[in-house]
Amino acid sequence: MELQAELTGRDGLKRAWRVRCDPQGELRGLLAGLSQLREEVTALLGPLVQQESVAAPGVRGEDGGDDGDADEEEEEQEEEEEEGKHINTKAYSDGPPLKRTKTHS
């Protein structure tokens, strides 16, 4: 069994991988091949990620870094608090609200 993968860089260059999976039982061989493929891809992409993180300080991706999500969350919380201040808390003394009637179209 063999795993194949292809990575296309931002410059358009393509890098192909082929990893042989040992026949230690198909599932175990597949898992070993996936692990090897992951290691090779990580080894290739690691330096590129380092370069980009140095080139753009303070901006990170989905790894939980500082990408502005905290600011958005704070704004959402402030908006919710403002909305909470304007909730109509009047009690209806006439009883429950009227039921909706279906309109025929």
PDB file of N, CA and C in Angstrom:
ATOM      1  N   MET A   1       0.857  -1.163   0.000  1.00  0.00           N
ATOM      2  CA  MET A   1       0.000   0.000   0.000  1.00  0.00           C
ATOM      3  C   MET A   1       0.903   1.226   0.000  1.00  0.00           C
ATOM      4  N   GLU A   2       0.403   2.317  -0.581  1.00  0.00           N
ATOM      5  CA  GLU A   2       1.198   3.528  -0.702  1.00  0.00           C
ATOM      6  C   GLU A   2       0.305   4.750  -0.503  1.00  0.00           C
ATOM      7  N   LEU A   3       0.808   5.736   0.218  1.00  0.00           N
ATOM      8  CA  LEU A   3       0.113   7.008   0.387  1.00  0.00           C
ATOM      9  C   LEU A   3       0.740   8.024  -0.546  1.00  0.00           C
ATOM     10  N   GLN A   4      -0.101   8.838  -1.164  1.00  0.00           N
ATOM     11  CA  GLN A   4       0.401   9.893  -2.033  1.00  0.00           C
ATOM     12  C   GLN A   4      -0.177  11.213  -1.571  1.00  0.00           C
ATOM     13  N   ALA A   5       0.652  12.243  -1.618  1.00  0.00           N
ATOM     14  CA  ALA A   5       0.197  13.583  -1.255  1.00  0.00           C
ATOM     15  C   ALA A   5       0.900  14.576  -2.160  1.00  0.00           C
ATOM     16  N   GLU A   6       0.269  15.726  -2.336  1.00  0.00           N
ATOM     17  CA  GLU A   6       0.861  16.772  -3.161  1.00  0.00           C
ATOM     18  C   GLU A   6       0.619  18.114  -2.498  1.00  0.00           C
ATOM     19  N   LEU A   7       1.661  18.906  -2.412  1.00  0.00           N
ATOM     20  CA  LEU A   7       1.572  20.238  -1.830  1.00  0.00           C
ATOM     21  C   LEU A   7       1.895  21.241  -2.917  1.00  0.00           C
ATOM     22  N   THR A   8       1.004  22.203  -3.113  1.00  0.00           N
ATOM     23  CA  THR A   8       1.256  23.278  -4.056  1.00  0.00           C
ATOM     24  C   THR A   8       1.570  24.523  -3.257  1.00  0.00           C
ATOM     25  N   GLY A   9       2.760  25.053  -3.440  1.00  0.00           N
ATOM     26  CA  GLY A   9       3.187  26.239  -2.705  1.00  0.00           C
ATOM     27  C   GLY A   9       2.555  27.496  -3.259  1.00  0.00           C
ATOM     28  N   ARG A  10       2.747  28.585  -2.552  1.00  0.00           N
ATOM     29  CA  ARG A  10       2.198  29.864  -3.007  1.00  0.00           C
ATOM     30  C   ARG A  10       2.833  30.315  -4.313  1.00  0.00           C
ATOM     31  N   ASP A  11       4.037  29.835  -4.564  1.00  0.00           N
ATOM     32  CA  ASP A  11       4.723  30.182  -5.805  1.00  0.00           C
ATOM     33  C   ASP A  11       4.298  29.289  -6.967  1.00  0.00           C
ATOM     34  N   GLY A  12       3.410  28.339  -6.716  1.00  0.00           N
ATOM     35  CA  GLY A  12       2.897  27.465  -7.753  1.00  0.00           C
ATOM     36  C   GLY A  12       3.682  26.181  -7.933  1.00  0.00           C
ATOM     37  N   LEU A  13       4.810  26.050  -7.244  1.00  0.00           N
ATOM     38  CA  LEU A  13       5.592  24.829  -7.351  1.00  0.00           C
ATOM     39  C   LEU A  13       4.895  23.701  -6.603  1.00  0.00           C
ATOM     40  N   LYS A  14       4.937  22.523  -7.209  1.00  0.00           N
ATOM     41  CA  LYS A  14       4.280  21.365  -6.601  1.00  0.00           C
ATOM     42  C   LYS A  14       5.333  20.422  -6.041  1.00  0.00           C
ATOM     43  N   ARG A  15       5.036  19.882  -4.876  1.00  0.00           N
ATOM     44  CA  ARG A  15       5.919  18.922  -4.210  1.00  0.00           C
ATOM     45  C   ARG A  15       5.075  17.686  -3.949  1.00  0.00           C
ATOM     46  N   ALA A  16       5.535  16.551  -4.464  1.00  0.00           N
ATOM     47  CA  ALA A  16       4.785  15.304  -4.308  1.00  0.00           C
ATOM     48  C   ALA A  16       5.476  14.406  -3.289  1.00  0.00           C
ATOM     49  N   TRP A  17       4.679  13.673  -2.538  1.00  0.00           N
ATOM     50  CA  TRP A  17       5.185  12.704  -1.563  1.00  0.00           C
ATOM     51  C   TRP A  17       4.589  11.348  -1.883  1.00  0.00           C
ATOM     52  N   ARG A  18       5.402  10.335  -1.682  1.00  0.00           N
ATOM     53  CA  ARG A  18       4.936   8.954  -1.757  1.00  0.00           C
ATOM     54  C   ARG A  18       5.524   8.232  -0.567  1.00  0.00           C
ATOM     55  N   VAL A  19       4.676   7.674   0.230  1.00  0.00           N
ATOM     56  CA  VAL A  19       5.108   6.958   1.424  1.00  0.00           C
ATOM     57  C   VAL A  19       4.572   5.537   1.334  1.00  0.00           C
ATOM     58  N   ARG A  20       5.485   4.581   1.433  1.00  0.00           N
ATOM     59  CA  ARG A  20       5.071   3.178   1.425  1.00  0.00           C
ATOM     60  C   ARG A  20       4.576   2.788   2.804  1.00  0.00           C
ATOM     61  N   CYS A  21       3.500   2.059   2.845  1.00  0.00           N
ATOM     62  CA  CYS A  21       2.939   1.559   4.097  1.00  0.00           C
ATOM     63  C   CYS A  21       3.311   0.084   4.215  1.00  0.00           C
ATOM     64  N   ASP A  22       3.954  -0.253   5.311  1.00  0.00           N
ATOM     65  CA  ASP A  22       4.329  -1.649   5.541  1.00  0.00           C
ATOM     66  C   ASP A  22       3.070  -2.495   5.691  1.00  0.00           C
ATOM     67  N   PRO A  23       3.117  -3.712   5.209  1.00  0.00           N
ATOM     68  CA  PRO A  23       1.925  -4.569   5.313  1.00  0.00           C
ATOM     69  C   PRO A  23       1.777  -5.239   6.675  1.00  0.00           C
ATOM     70  N   GLN A  24       1.920  -4.484   7.779  1.00  0.00           N
ATOM     71  CA  GLN A  24       1.799  -5.043   9.129  1.00  0.00           C
ATOM     72  C   GLN A  24       0.338  -5.212   9.506  1.00  0.00           C
ATOM     73  N   GLY A  25      -0.467  -5.608   8.655  1.00  0.00           N
ATOM     74  CA  GLY A  25      -1.901  -5.499   8.878  1.00  0.00           C
ATOM     75  C   GLY A  25      -2.227  -4.150   8.262  1.00  0.00           C
ATOM     76  N   GLU A  26      -3.184  -4.082   7.442  1.00  0.00           N
ATOM     77  CA  GLU A  26      -3.408  -2.886   6.638  1.00  0.00           C
ATOM     78  C   GLU A  26      -3.595  -1.624   7.464  1.00  0.00           C
ATOM     79  N   LEU A  27      -4.333  -1.711   8.545  1.00  0.00           N
ATOM     80  CA  LEU A  27      -4.599  -0.515   9.341  1.00  0.00           C
ATOM     81  C   LEU A  27      -3.334  -0.010  10.025  1.00  0.00           C
ATOM     82  N   ARG A  28      -2.557  -0.902  10.596  1.00  0.00           N
ATOM     83  CA  ARG A  28      -1.314  -0.485  11.263  1.00  0.00           C
ATOM     84  C   ARG A  28      -0.327   0.092  10.262  1.00  0.00           C
ATOM     85  N   GLY A  29      -0.241  -0.511   9.100  1.00  0.00           N
ATOM     86  CA  GLY A  29       0.641   0.004   8.056  1.00  0.00           C
ATOM     87  C   GLY A  29       0.210   1.382   7.596  1.00  0.00           C
ATOM     88  N   LEU A  30      -1.100   1.565   7.459  1.00  0.00           N
ATOM     89  CA  LEU A  30      -1.637   2.860   7.055  1.00  0.00           C
ATOM     90  C   LEU A  30      -1.339   3.923   8.103  1.00  0.00           C
ATOM     91  N   LEU A  31      -1.531   3.585   9.375  1.00  0.00           N
ATOM     92  CA  LEU A  31      -1.244   4.538  10.448  1.00  0.00           C
ATOM     93  C   LEU A  31       0.235   4.907  10.486  1.00  0.00           C
ATOM     94  N   ALA A  32       1.106   3.933  10.280  1.00  0.00           N
ATOM     95  CA  ALA A  32       2.542   4.208  10.253  1.00  0.00           C
ATOM     96  C   ALA A  32       2.888   5.109   9.070  1.00  0.00           C
ATOM     97  N   GLY A  33       2.278   4.851   7.923  1.00  0.00           N
ATOM     98  CA  GLY A  33       2.512   5.688   6.748  1.00  0.00           C
ATOM     99  C   GLY A  33       2.022   7.106   6.952  1.00  0.00           C
ATOM    100  N   LEU A  34       0.845   7.247   7.567  1.00  0.00           N
ATOM    101  CA  LEU A  34       0.321   8.584   7.854  1.00  0.00           C
ATOM    102  C   LEU A  34       1.234   9.341   8.808  1.00  0.00           C
ATOM    103  N   SER A  35       1.743   8.655   9.789  1.00  0.00           N
ATOM    104  CA  SER A  35       2.652   9.278  10.744  1.00  0.00           C
ATOM    105  C   SER A  35       3.918   9.762  10.046  1.00  0.00           C
ATOM    106  N   GLN A  36       4.458   8.936   9.169  1.00  0.00           N
ATOM    107  CA  GLN A  36       5.668   9.317   8.438  1.00  0.00           C
ATOM    108  C   GLN A  36       5.384  10.501   7.521  1.00  0.00           C
ATOM    109  N   LEU A  37       4.254  10.478   6.836  1.00  0.00           N
ATOM    110  CA  LEU A  37       3.885  11.572   5.945  1.00  0.00           C
ATOM    111  C   LEU A  37       3.713  12.863   6.727  1.00  0.00           C
ATOM    112  N   ARG A  38       3.078  12.790   7.872  1.00  0.00           N
ATOM    113  CA  ARG A  38       2.882  13.965   8.719  1.00  0.00           C
ATOM    114  C   ARG A  38       4.229  14.558   9.135  1.00  0.00           C
ATOM    115  N   GLU A  39       5.160  13.698   9.528  1.00  0.00           N
ATOM    116  CA  GLU A  39       6.485  14.167   9.940  1.00  0.00           C
ATOM    117  C   GLU A  39       7.207  14.874   8.800  1.00  0.00           C
ATOM    118  N   GLU A  40       7.122  14.308   7.604  1.00  0.00           N
ATOM    119  CA  GLU A  40       7.793  14.912   6.457  1.00  0.00           C
ATOM    120  C   GLU A  40       7.180  16.261   6.093  1.00  0.00           C
ATOM    121  N   VAL A  41       5.862  16.345   6.111  1.00  0.00           N
ATOM    122  CA  VAL A  41       5.191  17.609   5.793  1.00  0.00           C
ATOM    123  C   VAL A  41       5.502  18.650   6.864  1.00  0.00           C
ATOM    124  N   THR A  42       5.491  18.246   8.125  1.00  0.00           N
ATOM    125  CA  THR A  42       5.811  19.166   9.216  1.00  0.00           C
ATOM    126  C   THR A  42       7.237  19.672   9.085  1.00  0.00           C
ATOM    127  N   ALA A  43       8.165  18.790   8.723  1.00  0.00           N
ATOM    128  CA  ALA A  43       9.560  19.198   8.553  1.00  0.00           C
ATOM    129  C   ALA A  43       9.697  20.213   7.424  1.00  0.00           C
ATOM    130  N   LEU A  44       8.914  20.063   6.369  1.00  0.00           N
ATOM    131  CA  LEU A  44       8.985  20.997   5.249  1.00  0.00           C
ATOM    132  C   LEU A  44       8.308  22.320   5.575  1.00  0.00           C
ATOM    133  N   LEU A  45       7.135  22.264   6.211  1.00  0.00           N
ATOM    134  CA  LEU A  45       6.368  23.484   6.460  1.00  0.00           C
ATOM    135  C   LEU A  45       6.833  24.251   7.689  1.00  0.00           C
ATOM    136  N   GLY A  46       7.501  23.597   8.626  1.00  0.00           N
ATOM    137  CA  GLY A  46       7.951  24.257   9.852  1.00  0.00           C
ATOM    138  C   GLY A  46       8.742  25.527   9.596  1.00  0.00           C
ATOM    139  N   PRO A  47       9.794  25.482   8.772  1.00  0.00           N
ATOM    140  CA  PRO A  47      10.554  26.706   8.498  1.00  0.00           C
ATOM    141  C   PRO A  47       9.721  27.790   7.815  1.00  0.00           C
ATOM    142  N   LEU A  48       8.798  27.396   6.949  1.00  0.00           N
ATOM    143  CA  LEU A  48       7.950  28.390   6.279  1.00  0.00           C
ATOM    144  C   LEU A  48       7.042  29.096   7.276  1.00  0.00           C
ATOM    145  N   VAL A  49       6.506  28.350   8.224  1.00  0.00           N
ATOM    146  CA  VAL A  49       5.654  28.936   9.260  1.00  0.00           C
ATOM    147  C   VAL A  49       6.473  29.901  10.107  1.00  0.00           C
ATOM    148  N   GLN A  50       7.700  29.517  10.434  1.00  0.00           N
ATOM    149  CA  GLN A  50       8.583  30.394  11.209  1.00  0.00           C
ATOM    150  C   GLN A  50       8.839  31.695  10.459  1.00  0.00           C
ATOM    151  N   GLN A  51       9.112  31.606   9.160  1.00  0.00           N
ATOM    152  CA  GLN A  51       9.374  32.797   8.355  1.00  0.00           C
ATOM    153  C   GLN A  51       8.171  33.731   8.350  1.00  0.00           C
ATOM    154  N   GLU A  52       6.984  33.175   8.175  1.00  0.00           N
ATOM    155  CA  GLU A  52       5.787  34.009   8.133  1.00  0.00           C
ATOM    156  C   GLU A  52       5.479  34.628   9.480  1.00  0.00           C
ATOM    157  N   SER A  53       5.739  33.909  10.558  1.00  0.00           N
ATOM    158  CA  SER A  53       5.455  34.476  11.877  1.00  0.00           C
ATOM    159  C   SER A  53       6.426  35.601  12.198  1.00  0.00           C
ATOM    160  N   VAL A  54       7.642  35.541  11.690  1.00  0.00           N
ATOM    161  CA  VAL A  54       8.607  36.625  11.888  1.00  0.00           C
ATOM    162  C   VAL A  54       8.251  37.804  10.988  1.00  0.00           C
ATOM    163  N   ALA A  55       7.784  37.520   9.774  1.00  0.00           N
ATOM    164  CA  ALA A  55       7.452  38.575   8.822  1.00  0.00           C
ATOM    165  C   ALA A  55       6.227  39.366   9.248  1.00  0.00           C
ATOM    166  N   ALA A  56       5.301  38.754   9.966  1.00  0.00           N
ATOM    167  CA  ALA A  56       4.067  39.425  10.383  1.00  0.00           C
ATOM    168  C   ALA A  56       3.897  39.279  11.887  1.00  0.00           C
ATOM    169  N   PRO A  57       4.658  40.048  12.685  1.00  0.00           N
ATOM    170  CA  PRO A  57       4.522  39.915  14.139  1.00  0.00           C
ATOM    171  C   PRO A  57       3.167  40.400  14.622  1.00  0.00           C
ATOM    172  N   GLY A  58       2.624  39.716  15.623  1.00  0.00           N
ATOM    173  CA  GLY A  58       1.347  40.106  16.210  1.00  0.00           C
ATOM    174  C   GLY A  58       0.148  39.572  15.463  1.00  0.00           C
ATOM    175  N   VAL A  59       0.363  38.930  14.329  1.00  0.00           N
ATOM    176  CA  VAL A  59      -0.743  38.360  13.566  1.00  0.00           C
ATOM    177  C   VAL A  59      -0.471  36.877  13.435  1.00  0.00           C
ATOM    178  N   ARG A  60      -1.354  36.081  14.000  1.00  0.00           N
ATOM    179  CA  ARG A  60      -1.218  34.634  13.925  1.00  0.00           C
ATOM    180  C   ARG A  60      -2.492  34.046  13.376  1.00  0.00           C
ATOM    181  N   GLY A  61      -2.407  32.805  13.004  1.00  0.00           N
ATOM    182  CA  GLY A  61      -3.551  32.130  12.404  1.00  0.00           C
ATOM    183  C   GLY A  61      -4.458  31.499  13.423  1.00  0.00           C
ATOM    184  N   GLU A  62      -4.945  30.311  13.094  1.00  0.00           N
ATOM    185  CA  GLU A  62      -5.934  29.634  13.906  1.00  0.00           C
ATOM    186  C   GLU A  62      -5.347  28.902  15.102  1.00  0.00           C
ATOM    187  N   ASP A  63      -4.077  29.103  15.372  1.00  0.00           N
ATOM    188  CA  ASP A  63      -3.454  28.380  16.471  1.00  0.00           C
ATOM    189  C   ASP A  63      -3.707  29.039  17.809  1.00  0.00           C
ATOM    190  N   GLY A  64      -4.668  29.945  17.890  1.00  0.00           N
ATOM    191  CA  GLY A  64      -5.007  30.560  19.167  1.00  0.00           C
ATOM    192  C   GLY A  64      -4.192  31.790  19.461  1.00  0.00           C
ATOM    193  N   GLY A  65      -3.482  32.290  18.470  1.00  0.00           N
ATOM    194  CA  GLY A  65      -2.629  33.451  18.686  1.00  0.00           C
ATOM    195  C   GLY A  65      -3.408  34.741  18.667  1.00  0.00           C
ATOM    196  N   ASP A  66      -2.688  35.831  18.615  1.00  0.00           N
ATOM    197  CA  ASP A  66      -3.285  37.161  18.647  1.00  0.00           C
ATOM    198  C   ASP A  66      -3.712  37.545  17.245  1.00  0.00           C
ATOM    199  N   ASP A  67      -4.941  37.236  16.892  1.00  0.00           N
ATOM    200  CA  ASP A  67      -5.408  37.545  15.555  1.00  0.00           C
ATOM    201  C   ASP A  67      -6.631  38.451  15.570  1.00  0.00           C
ATOM    202  N   GLY A  68      -6.877  39.128  16.667  1.00  0.00           N
ATOM    203  CA  GLY A  68      -7.971  40.071  16.715  1.00  0.00           C
ATOM    204  C   GLY A  68      -9.273  39.480  17.201  1.00  0.00           C
ATOM    205  N   ASP A  69      -9.342  38.195  17.440  1.00  0.00           N
ATOM    206  CA  ASP A  69     -10.577  37.588  17.918  1.00  0.00           C
ATOM    207  C   ASP A  69     -10.969  38.110  19.287  1.00  0.00           C
ATOM    208  N   ALA A  70      -9.989  38.403  20.121  1.00  0.00           N
ATOM    209  CA  ALA A  70     -10.285  38.903  21.465  1.00  0.00           C
ATOM    210  C   ALA A  70     -11.009  40.239  21.378  1.00  0.00           C
ATOM    211  N   ASP A  71     -10.568  41.102  20.458  1.00  0.00           N
ATOM    212  CA  ASP A  71     -11.235  42.388  20.286  1.00  0.00           C
ATOM    213  C   ASP A  71     -12.674  42.198  19.828  1.00  0.00           C
ATOM    214  N   GLU A  72     -12.887  41.275  18.896  1.00  0.00           N
ATOM    215  CA  GLU A  72     -14.238  41.018  18.409  1.00  0.00           C
ATOM    216  C   GLU A  72     -15.126  40.487  19.528  1.00  0.00           C
ATOM    217  N   GLU A  73     -14.585  39.603  20.353  1.00  0.00           N
ATOM    218  CA  GLU A  73     -15.372  39.046  21.453  1.00  0.00           C
ATOM    219  C   GLU A  73     -15.746  40.131  22.454  1.00  0.00           C
ATOM    220  N   GLU A  74     -14.813  41.045  22.734  1.00  0.00           N
ATOM    221  CA  GLU A  74     -15.111  42.137  23.659  1.00  0.00           C
ATOM    222  C   GLU A  74     -16.220  43.021  23.099  1.00  0.00           C
ATOM    223  N   GLU A  75     -16.161  43.311  21.796  1.00  0.00           N
ATOM    224  CA  GLU A  75     -17.195  44.136  21.174  1.00  0.00           C
ATOM    225  C   GLU A  75     -18.551  43.448  21.255  1.00  0.00           C
ATOM    226  N   GLU A  76     -18.580  42.143  21.013  1.00  0.00           N
ATOM    227  CA  GLU A  76     -19.839  41.409  21.087  1.00  0.00           C
ATOM    228  C   GLU A  76     -20.408  41.439  22.496  1.00  0.00           C
ATOM    229  N   GLN A  77     -19.542  41.277  23.496  1.00  0.00           N
ATOM    230  CA  GLN A  77     -20.002  41.319  24.880  1.00  0.00           C
ATOM    231  C   GLN A  77     -20.567  42.694  25.215  1.00  0.00           C
ATOM    232  N   GLU A  78     -19.903  43.757  24.751  1.00  0.00           N
ATOM    233  CA  GLU A  78     -20.394  45.107  25.015  1.00  0.00           C
ATOM    234  C   GLU A  78     -21.755  45.320  24.362  1.00  0.00           C
ATOM    235  N   GLU A  79     -21.913  44.816  23.126  1.00  0.00           N
ATOM    236  CA  GLU A  79     -23.193  44.958  22.438  1.00  0.00           C
ATOM    237  C   GLU A  79     -24.295  44.214  23.186  1.00  0.00           C
ATOM    238  N   GLU A  80     -23.980  43.016  23.675  1.00  0.00           N
ATOM    239  CA  GLU A  80     -24.973  42.247  24.420  1.00  0.00           C
ATOM    240  C   GLU A  80     -25.364  42.965  25.704  1.00  0.00           C
ATOM    241  N   GLU A  81     -24.390  43.586  26.361  1.00  0.00           N
ATOM    242  CA  GLU A  81     -24.690  44.326  27.581  1.00  0.00           C
ATOM    243  C   GLU A  81     -25.587  45.519  27.272  1.00  0.00           C
ATOM    244  N   GLU A  82     -25.304  46.208  26.162  1.00  0.00           N
ATOM    245  CA  GLU A  82     -26.134  47.346  25.771  1.00  0.00           C
ATOM    246  C   GLU A  82     -27.554  46.885  25.459  1.00  0.00           C
ATOM    247  N   GLU A  83     -27.668  45.764  24.744  1.00  0.00           N
ATOM    248  CA  GLU A  83     -28.992  45.244  24.426  1.00  0.00           C
ATOM    249  C   GLU A  83     -29.734  44.876  25.701  1.00  0.00           C
ATOM    250  N   GLY A  84     -29.031  44.335  26.661  1.00  0.00           N
ATOM    251  CA  GLY A  84     -29.635  43.946  27.927  1.00  0.00           C
ATOM    252  C   GLY A  84     -30.192  45.133  28.679  1.00  0.00           C
ATOM    253  N   LYS A  85     -29.621  46.309  28.507  1.00  0.00           N
ATOM    254  CA  LYS A  85     -30.095  47.506  29.194  1.00  0.00           C
ATOM    255  C   LYS A  85     -31.419  47.990  28.624  1.00  0.00           C
ATOM    256  N   HIS A  86     -31.696  47.645  27.374  1.00  0.00           N
ATOM    257  CA  HIS A  86     -32.892  48.158  26.708  1.00  0.00           C
ATOM    258  C   HIS A  86     -34.015  47.134  26.617  1.00  0.00           C
ATOM    259  N   ILE A  87     -33.952  46.103  27.408  1.00  0.00           N
ATOM    260  CA  ILE A  87     -35.009  45.089  27.392  1.00  0.00           C
ATOM    261  C   ILE A  87     -36.255  45.670  28.045  1.00  0.00           C
ATOM    262  N   ASN A  88     -37.388  45.433  27.417  1.00  0.00           N
ATOM    263  CA  ASN A  88     -38.653  45.931  27.935  1.00  0.00           C
ATOM    264  C   ASN A  88     -39.083  45.033  29.087  1.00  0.00           C
ATOM    265  N   THR A  89     -39.097  45.572  30.293  1.00  0.00           N
ATOM    266  CA  THR A  89     -39.428  44.770  31.474  1.00  0.00           C
ATOM    267  C   THR A  89     -40.810  45.101  32.021  1.00  0.00           C
ATOM    268  N   LYS A  90     -41.652  45.726  31.227  1.00  0.00           N
ATOM    269  CA  LYS A  90     -42.999  46.070  31.686  1.00  0.00           C
ATOM    270  C   LYS A  90     -43.833  44.805  31.838  1.00  0.00           C
ATOM    271  N   ALA A  91     -44.598  44.743  32.882  1.00  0.00           N
ATOM    272  CA  ALA A  91     -45.512  43.621  33.079  1.00  0.00           C
ATOM    273  C   ALA A  91     -46.833  43.971  32.411  1.00  0.00           C
ATOM    274  N   TYR A  92     -47.442  42.991  31.775  1.00  0.00           N
ATOM    275  CA  TYR A  92     -48.723  43.222  31.133  1.00  0.00           C
ATOM    276  C   TYR A  92     -49.825  42.967  32.150  1.00  0.00           C
ATOM    277  N   SER A  93     -50.601  43.985  32.440  1.00  0.00           N
ATOM    278  CA  SER A  93     -51.655  43.839  33.431  1.00  0.00           C
ATOM    279  C   SER A  93     -52.924  43.249  32.831  1.00  0.00           C
ATOM    280  N   ASP A  94     -53.019  43.243  31.509  1.00  0.00           N
ATOM    281  CA  ASP A  94     -54.217  42.738  30.852  1.00  0.00           C
ATOM    282  C   ASP A  94     -54.188  41.226  30.685  1.00  0.00           C
ATOM    283  N   GLY A  95     -53.160  40.571  31.123  1.00  0.00           N
ATOM    284  CA  GLY A  95     -53.067  39.125  30.955  1.00  0.00           C
ATOM    285  C   GLY A  95     -52.044  38.778  29.893  1.00  0.00           C
ATOM    286  N   PRO A  96     -52.089  37.555  29.449  1.00  0.00           N
ATOM    287  CA  PRO A  96     -51.103  37.109  28.458  1.00  0.00           C
ATOM    288  C   PRO A  96     -51.337  37.799  27.116  1.00  0.00           C
ATOM    289  N   PRO A  97     -50.309  37.852  26.296  1.00  0.00           N
ATOM    290  CA  PRO A  97     -50.464  38.490  24.987  1.00  0.00           C
ATOM    291  C   PRO A  97     -51.462  37.714  24.132  1.00  0.00           C
ATOM    292  N   LEU A  98     -52.042  38.398  23.162  1.00  0.00           N
ATOM    293  CA  LEU A  98     -53.020  37.779  22.280  1.00  0.00           C
ATOM    294  C   LEU A  98     -52.361  36.722  21.406  1.00  0.00           C
ATOM    295  N   LYS A  99     -53.155  35.723  21.058  1.00  0.00           N
ATOM    296  CA  LYS A  99     -52.645  34.684  20.173  1.00  0.00           C
ATOM    297  C   LYS A  99     -52.624  35.207  18.751  1.00  0.00           C
ATOM    298  N   ARG A 100     -51.685  34.706  17.994  1.00  0.00           N
ATOM    299  CA  ARG A 100     -51.611  35.107  16.589  1.00  0.00           C
ATOM    300  C   ARG A 100     -52.715  34.416  15.809  1.00  0.00           C
ATOM    301  N   THR A 101     -53.242  35.119  14.844  1.00  0.00           N
ATOM    302  CA  THR A 101     -54.229  34.511  13.960  1.00  0.00           C
ATOM    303  C   THR A 101     -53.574  34.287  12.615  1.00  0.00           C
ATOM    304  N   LYS A 102     -53.902  33.185  11.994  1.00  0.00           N
ATOM    305  CA  LYS A 102     -53.312  32.881  10.696  1.00  0.00           C
ATOM    306  C   LYS A 102     -53.959  33.758   9.646  1.00  0.00           C
ATOM    307  N   THR A 103     -53.134  34.279   8.779  1.00  0.00           N
ATOM    308  CA  THR A 103     -53.654  35.066   7.665  1.00  0.00           C
ATOM    309  C   THR A 103     -53.587  34.203   6.424  1.00  0.00           C
ATOM    310  N   HIS A 104     -54.635  34.208   5.665  1.00  0.00           N
ATOM    311  CA  HIS A 104     -54.680  33.412   4.442  1.00  0.00           C
ATOM    312  C   HIS A 104     -54.173  34.264   3.303  1.00  0.00           C
ATOM    313  N   SER A 105     -53.234  33.699   2.560  1.00  0.00           N
ATOM    314  CA  SER A 105     -52.679  34.482   1.455  1.00  0.00           C
ATOM    315  C   SER A 105     -53.109  33.977   0.119  1.00  0.00           C
TER     316      SER A 105
END
